[in-house]
Amino acid sequence: MPMAMRIGSTSKIDEVDRDDFLALAKELDVSPRMVRRLIGEVCEGAGGAASAVASDMEDALGAPLPKLREIEAFAQVQIGRLGRSALGAALPATSGTGA
């Protein structure tokens, strides 16, 4: 499913890469360095939050939620891909505690 707007040259989230973010930065007259830093921060925070939310829900219900973990795993792959492409390097791994 396409996004409501383009980022760089694509409107499909699975296809957004570093060049697309840098093109958007240029279009918005924003520093490419700032864009890379912000994307890294968002990806790192979202990755930790996704894991923490899944753990909190399982703890509250007292049962594993395999479908939620499947969604979390997909989200982690996308977050990692976007973070790495935006930064040009791997992001630090999250501990799964939201920290």
C-alpha atoms as a PDB file:
ATOM      1  CA  MET A   1       0.000   0.000   0.000  1.00  0.00           C
ATOM      2  CA  PRO A   2       1.433   3.382  -0.928  1.00  0.00           C
ATOM      3  CA  MET A   3       2.019   6.128   1.615  1.00  0.00           C
ATOM      4  CA  ALA A   4       0.002   9.342   1.404  1.00  0.00           C
ATOM      5  CA  MET A   5       3.119  11.248   0.299  1.00  0.00           C
ATOM      6  CA  ARG A   6       6.407  10.530  -1.345  1.00  0.00           C
ATOM      7  CA  ILE A   7       9.713  10.429   0.500  1.00  0.00           C
ATOM      8  CA  GLY A   8      12.312  11.169  -2.109  1.00  0.00           C
ATOM      9  CA  SER A   9      11.390   9.167  -5.186  1.00  0.00           C
ATOM     10  CA  THR A  10       9.098   6.554  -3.613  1.00  0.00           C
ATOM     11  CA  SER A  11       5.695   6.336  -1.979  1.00  0.00           C
ATOM     12  CA  LYS A  12       6.161   2.748  -0.722  1.00  0.00           C
ATOM     13  CA  ILE A  13       7.557   2.429   2.793  1.00  0.00           C
ATOM     14  CA  ASP A  14       9.355  -0.832   1.963  1.00  0.00           C
ATOM     15  CA  GLU A  15      11.318   0.983  -0.736  1.00  0.00           C
ATOM     16  CA  VAL A  16      12.384   4.119   1.154  1.00  0.00           C
ATOM     17  CA  ASP A  17      16.144   4.255   1.525  1.00  0.00           C
ATOM     18  CA  ARG A  18      18.935   6.650   2.443  1.00  0.00           C
ATOM     19  CA  ASP A  19      18.847   8.424  -0.909  1.00  0.00           C
ATOM     20  CA  ASP A  20      15.119   9.062  -0.527  1.00  0.00           C
ATOM     21  CA  PHE A  21      15.589  10.639   2.898  1.00  0.00           C
ATOM     22  CA  LEU A  22      18.444  12.776   1.608  1.00  0.00           C
ATOM     23  CA  ALA A  23      16.328  13.893  -1.375  1.00  0.00           C
ATOM     24  CA  LEU A  24      13.543  14.863   1.042  1.00  0.00           C
ATOM     25  CA  ALA A  25      16.047  16.810   3.151  1.00  0.00           C
ATOM     26  CA  LYS A  26      17.181  18.707   0.062  1.00  0.00           C
ATOM     27  CA  GLU A  27      13.573  19.388  -0.967  1.00  0.00           C
ATOM     28  CA  LEU A  28      12.811  20.754   2.519  1.00  0.00           C
ATOM     29  CA  ASP A  29      16.124  22.650   2.699  1.00  0.00           C
ATOM     30  CA  VAL A  30      17.113  20.706   5.818  1.00  0.00           C
ATOM     31  CA  SER A  31      20.622  19.566   6.687  1.00  0.00           C
ATOM     32  CA  PRO A  32      21.259  15.966   5.552  1.00  0.00           C
ATOM     33  CA  ARG A  33      23.224  15.427   8.771  1.00  0.00           C
ATOM     34  CA  MET A  34      20.193  16.464  10.822  1.00  0.00           C
ATOM     35  CA  VAL A  35      17.915  14.149   8.840  1.00  0.00           C
ATOM     36  CA  ARG A  36      20.241  11.172   9.375  1.00  0.00           C
ATOM     37  CA  ARG A  37      20.448  11.922  13.101  1.00  0.00           C
ATOM     38  CA  LEU A  38      16.678  12.317  13.518  1.00  0.00           C
ATOM     39  CA  ILE A  39      15.905   9.127  11.604  1.00  0.00           C
ATOM     40  CA  GLY A  40      18.397   7.239  13.745  1.00  0.00           C
ATOM     41  CA  GLU A  41      16.836   8.552  16.938  1.00  0.00           C
ATOM     42  CA  VAL A  42      13.310   7.720  15.812  1.00  0.00           C
ATOM     43  CA  CYS A  43      14.277   4.217  14.672  1.00  0.00           C
ATOM     44  CA  GLU A  44      16.116   3.479  17.896  1.00  0.00           C
ATOM     45  CA  GLY A  45      13.248   4.745  20.054  1.00  0.00           C
ATOM     46  CA  ALA A  46      10.556   2.959  18.050  1.00  0.00           C
ATOM     47  CA  GLY A  47      12.454  -0.332  18.146  1.00  0.00           C
ATOM     48  CA  GLY A  48      12.731  -0.281  21.920  1.00  0.00           C
ATOM     49  CA  ALA A  49       9.133   0.832  22.344  1.00  0.00           C
ATOM     50  CA  ALA A  50       7.762  -1.953  20.122  1.00  0.00           C
ATOM     51  CA  SER A  51       9.515  -4.591  22.184  1.00  0.00           C
ATOM     52  CA  ALA A  52       8.461  -3.029  25.489  1.00  0.00           C
ATOM     53  CA  VAL A  53       4.806  -2.789  24.448  1.00  0.00           C
ATOM     54  CA  ALA A  54       4.720  -6.439  23.365  1.00  0.00           C
ATOM     55  CA  SER A  55       6.324  -7.549  26.644  1.00  0.00           C
ATOM     56  CA  ASP A  56       3.968  -5.388  28.722  1.00  0.00           C
ATOM     57  CA  MET A  57       0.905  -6.822  26.970  1.00  0.00           C
ATOM     58  CA  GLU A  58       2.107 -10.403  27.465  1.00  0.00           C
ATOM     59  CA  ASP A  59       2.828  -9.696  31.134  1.00  0.00           C
ATOM     60  CA  ALA A  60      -0.587  -8.076  31.653  1.00  0.00           C
ATOM     61  CA  LEU A  61      -2.415 -10.983  30.020  1.00  0.00           C
ATOM     62  CA  GLY A  62      -0.156 -13.657  31.490  1.00  0.00           C
ATOM     63  CA  ALA A  63       0.162 -15.380  28.135  1.00  0.00           C
ATOM     64  CA  PRO A  64       2.377 -15.273  25.070  1.00  0.00           C
ATOM     65  CA  LEU A  65       0.977 -13.350  22.108  1.00  0.00           C
ATOM     66  CA  PRO A  66       2.595 -14.945  19.055  1.00  0.00           C
ATOM     67  CA  LYS A  67       0.762 -12.790  16.492  1.00  0.00           C
ATOM     68  CA  LEU A  68       1.844  -9.625  18.298  1.00  0.00           C
ATOM     69  CA  ARG A  69       5.430 -10.919  18.348  1.00  0.00           C
ATOM     70  CA  GLU A  70       5.161 -11.614  14.619  1.00  0.00           C
ATOM     71  CA  ILE A  71       4.066  -8.012  14.029  1.00  0.00           C
ATOM     72  CA  GLU A  72       6.856  -6.778  16.300  1.00  0.00           C
ATOM     73  CA  ALA A  73       9.441  -8.824  14.377  1.00  0.00           C
ATOM     74  CA  PHE A  74       8.251  -7.346  11.078  1.00  0.00           C
ATOM     75  CA  ALA A  75       8.382  -3.839  12.549  1.00  0.00           C
ATOM     76  CA  GLN A  76      11.896  -4.443  13.914  1.00  0.00           C
ATOM     77  CA  VAL A  77      13.115  -5.505  10.464  1.00  0.00           C
ATOM     78  CA  GLN A  78      11.673  -2.350   8.890  1.00  0.00           C
ATOM     79  CA  ILE A  79      13.015  -0.114  11.667  1.00  0.00           C
ATOM     80  CA  GLY A  80      16.459  -1.682  11.376  1.00  0.00           C
ATOM     81  CA  ARG A  81      16.472  -1.378   7.596  1.00  0.00           C
ATOM     82  CA  LEU A  82      15.441   2.264   7.654  1.00  0.00           C
ATOM     83  CA  GLY A  83      17.819   3.123  10.481  1.00  0.00           C
ATOM     84  CA  ARG A  84      20.772   1.468   8.810  1.00  0.00           C
ATOM     85  CA  SER A  85      20.021   3.022   5.426  1.00  0.00           C
ATOM     86  CA  ALA A  86      19.535   6.468   6.930  1.00  0.00           C
ATOM     87  CA  LEU A  87      22.687   6.311   9.014  1.00  0.00           C
ATOM     88  CA  GLY A  88      24.837   4.304   6.661  1.00  0.00           C
ATOM     89  CA  ALA A  89      25.628   1.978   9.585  1.00  0.00           C
ATOM     90  CA  ALA A  90      23.878  -0.370  11.969  1.00  0.00           C
ATOM     91  CA  LEU A  91      22.022   1.047  14.938  1.00  0.00           C
ATOM     92  CA  PRO A  92      22.815  -0.223  18.408  1.00  0.00           C
ATOM     93  CA  ALA A  93      20.673  -3.205  19.378  1.00  0.00           C
ATOM     94  CA  THR A  94      17.889  -2.555  21.848  1.00  0.00           C
ATOM     95  CA  SER A  95      17.742  -4.632  24.996  1.00  0.00           C
ATOM     96  CA  GLY A  96      14.022  -5.317  24.691  1.00  0.00           C
ATOM     97  CA  THR A  97      13.347  -3.396  27.880  1.00  0.00           C
ATOM     98  CA  GLY A  98      12.569  -0.150  26.143  1.00  0.00           C
ATOM     99  CA  ALA A  99      15.830   1.321  27.434  1.00  0.00           C
END
